[in-house]
Amino acid sequence: MLCDWGVGYCVRVSASVDSYVVIVRGEYMIWDMKDCDDTKAEIELLKCLAKGEQSAREEGWISVDDVEAILRVNE
């Protein structure tokens, strides 16, 4: 399977269902799909954290006590 990503190509390795060879600008690497999924999750987490930080800067921070009350930590 060949996927055009715009900056390179992703070629599925037939010997392993869980791996891809990523060719970018004449170079390549073998990337385990678990690593790919972990990286995608990490990027999404960082996006959410940045969004939360931006919101806090614009609308103000809340106290730890308020967070615990919202999450019902001590109930």
C-alpha atoms as a PDB file:
ATOM      1  CA  MET A   1       0.000   0.000   0.000  1.00  0.00           C
ATOM      2  CA  LEU A   2       1.390   3.399  -0.969  1.00  0.00           C
ATOM      3  CA  CYS A   3       0.086   6.589   0.647  1.00  0.00           C
ATOM      4  CA  ASP A   4       0.999  10.067  -0.548  1.00  0.00           C
ATOM      5  CA  TRP A   5       1.450  12.347   2.488  1.00  0.00           C
ATOM      6  CA  GLY A   6       2.544  15.340   0.466  1.00  0.00           C
ATOM      7  CA  VAL A   7       6.012  15.493   2.073  1.00  0.00           C
ATOM      8  CA  GLY A   8       6.940  11.881   1.417  1.00  0.00           C
ATOM      9  CA  TYR A   9       5.489   8.434   1.028  1.00  0.00           C
ATOM     10  CA  CYS A  10       4.326   5.765   3.442  1.00  0.00           C
ATOM     11  CA  VAL A  11       4.880   2.229   2.194  1.00  0.00           C
ATOM     12  CA  ARG A  12       3.348  -0.646   4.133  1.00  0.00           C
ATOM     13  CA  VAL A  13       5.882  -3.366   4.843  1.00  0.00           C
ATOM     14  CA  SER A  14       4.492  -6.707   3.725  1.00  0.00           C
ATOM     15  CA  ALA A  15       6.666  -8.660   6.188  1.00  0.00           C
ATOM     16  CA  SER A  16       5.086  -6.946   9.178  1.00  0.00           C
ATOM     17  CA  VAL A  17       1.499  -5.812   9.550  1.00  0.00           C
ATOM     18  CA  ASP A  18       2.424  -3.445  12.395  1.00  0.00           C
ATOM     19  CA  SER A  19       5.200  -1.496  10.682  1.00  0.00           C
ATOM     20  CA  TYR A  20       5.540   1.144   8.007  1.00  0.00           C
ATOM     21  CA  VAL A  21       8.511   2.427   6.095  1.00  0.00           C
ATOM     22  CA  VAL A  22       8.299   6.189   5.851  1.00  0.00           C
ATOM     23  CA  ILE A  23      10.261   7.781   3.007  1.00  0.00           C
ATOM     24  CA  VAL A  24      10.711  11.529   3.383  1.00  0.00           C
ATOM     25  CA  ARG A  25      12.887  13.581   1.025  1.00  0.00           C
ATOM     26  CA  GLY A  26      15.032  10.654  -0.017  1.00  0.00           C
ATOM     27  CA  GLU A  27      15.549   9.295   3.498  1.00  0.00           C
ATOM     28  CA  TYR A  28      13.641   6.512   5.238  1.00  0.00           C
ATOM     29  CA  MET A  29      12.889   4.967   8.605  1.00  0.00           C
ATOM     30  CA  ILE A  30      10.910   2.007   9.901  1.00  0.00           C
ATOM     31  CA  TRP A  31       8.246   3.122  12.344  1.00  0.00           C
ATOM     32  CA  ASP A  32       6.297   0.705  14.526  1.00  0.00           C
ATOM     33  CA  MET A  33       2.549   1.449  14.439  1.00  0.00           C
ATOM     34  CA  LYS A  34       2.456   1.532  18.268  1.00  0.00           C
ATOM     35  CA  ASP A  35       5.057   4.309  18.184  1.00  0.00           C
ATOM     36  CA  CYS A  36       2.975   6.098  15.563  1.00  0.00           C
ATOM     37  CA  ASP A  37      -0.175   5.816  17.709  1.00  0.00           C
ATOM     38  CA  ASP A  38       1.732   6.952  20.812  1.00  0.00           C
ATOM     39  CA  THR A  39       3.080   9.977  18.943  1.00  0.00           C
ATOM     40  CA  LYS A  40      -0.389  10.901  17.659  1.00  0.00           C
ATOM     41  CA  ALA A  41      -1.788  10.645  21.206  1.00  0.00           C
ATOM     42  CA  GLU A  42       1.076  12.764  22.563  1.00  0.00           C
ATOM     43  CA  ILE A  43       0.443  15.455  19.938  1.00  0.00           C
ATOM     44  CA  GLU A  44      -3.282  15.514  20.784  1.00  0.00           C
ATOM     45  CA  LEU A  45      -2.489  15.798  24.510  1.00  0.00           C
ATOM     46  CA  LEU A  46      -0.098  18.687  23.886  1.00  0.00           C
ATOM     47  CA  LYS A  47      -2.744  20.439  21.754  1.00  0.00           C
ATOM     48  CA  CYS A  48      -5.293  20.089  24.585  1.00  0.00           C
ATOM     49  CA  LEU A  49      -2.797  21.354  27.166  1.00  0.00           C
ATOM     50  CA  ALA A  50      -1.955  24.366  24.992  1.00  0.00           C
ATOM     51  CA  LYS A  51      -5.655  25.099  24.516  1.00  0.00           C
ATOM     52  CA  GLY A  52      -6.225  24.886  28.283  1.00  0.00           C
ATOM     53  CA  GLU A  53      -3.262  27.132  29.027  1.00  0.00           C
ATOM     54  CA  GLN A  54      -4.472  29.710  26.494  1.00  0.00           C
ATOM     55  CA  SER A  55      -7.939  29.611  28.062  1.00  0.00           C
ATOM     56  CA  ALA A  56      -6.463  30.077  31.540  1.00  0.00           C
ATOM     57  CA  ARG A  57      -4.390  33.048  30.406  1.00  0.00           C
ATOM     58  CA  GLU A  58      -7.427  34.707  28.809  1.00  0.00           C
ATOM     59  CA  GLU A  59     -10.094  33.810  31.386  1.00  0.00           C
ATOM     60  CA  GLY A  60      -8.010  33.346  34.533  1.00  0.00           C
ATOM     61  CA  TRP A  61      -6.731  30.360  36.451  1.00  0.00           C
ATOM     62  CA  ILE A  62      -8.850  28.414  38.944  1.00  0.00           C
ATOM     63  CA  SER A  63      -7.711  27.182  42.338  1.00  0.00           C
ATOM     64  CA  VAL A  64      -6.878  23.584  43.218  1.00  0.00           C
ATOM     65  CA  ASP A  65      -9.839  23.539  45.607  1.00  0.00           C
ATOM     66  CA  ASP A  66     -12.182  24.527  42.775  1.00  0.00           C
ATOM     67  CA  VAL A  67     -10.746  21.805  40.517  1.00  0.00           C
ATOM     68  CA  GLU A  68     -11.215  19.185  43.251  1.00  0.00           C
ATOM     69  CA  ALA A  69     -14.795  20.361  43.772  1.00  0.00           C
ATOM     70  CA  ILE A  70     -15.543  20.156  40.039  1.00  0.00           C
ATOM     71  CA  LEU A  71     -14.010  16.669  39.800  1.00  0.00           C
ATOM     72  CA  ARG A  72     -15.518  15.597  43.153  1.00  0.00           C
ATOM     73  CA  VAL A  73     -12.127  14.306  44.294  1.00  0.00           C
ATOM     74  CA  ASN A  74     -12.872  14.169  48.026  1.00  0.00           C
ATOM     75  CA  GLU A  75     -16.334  12.604  47.867  1.00  0.00           C
END
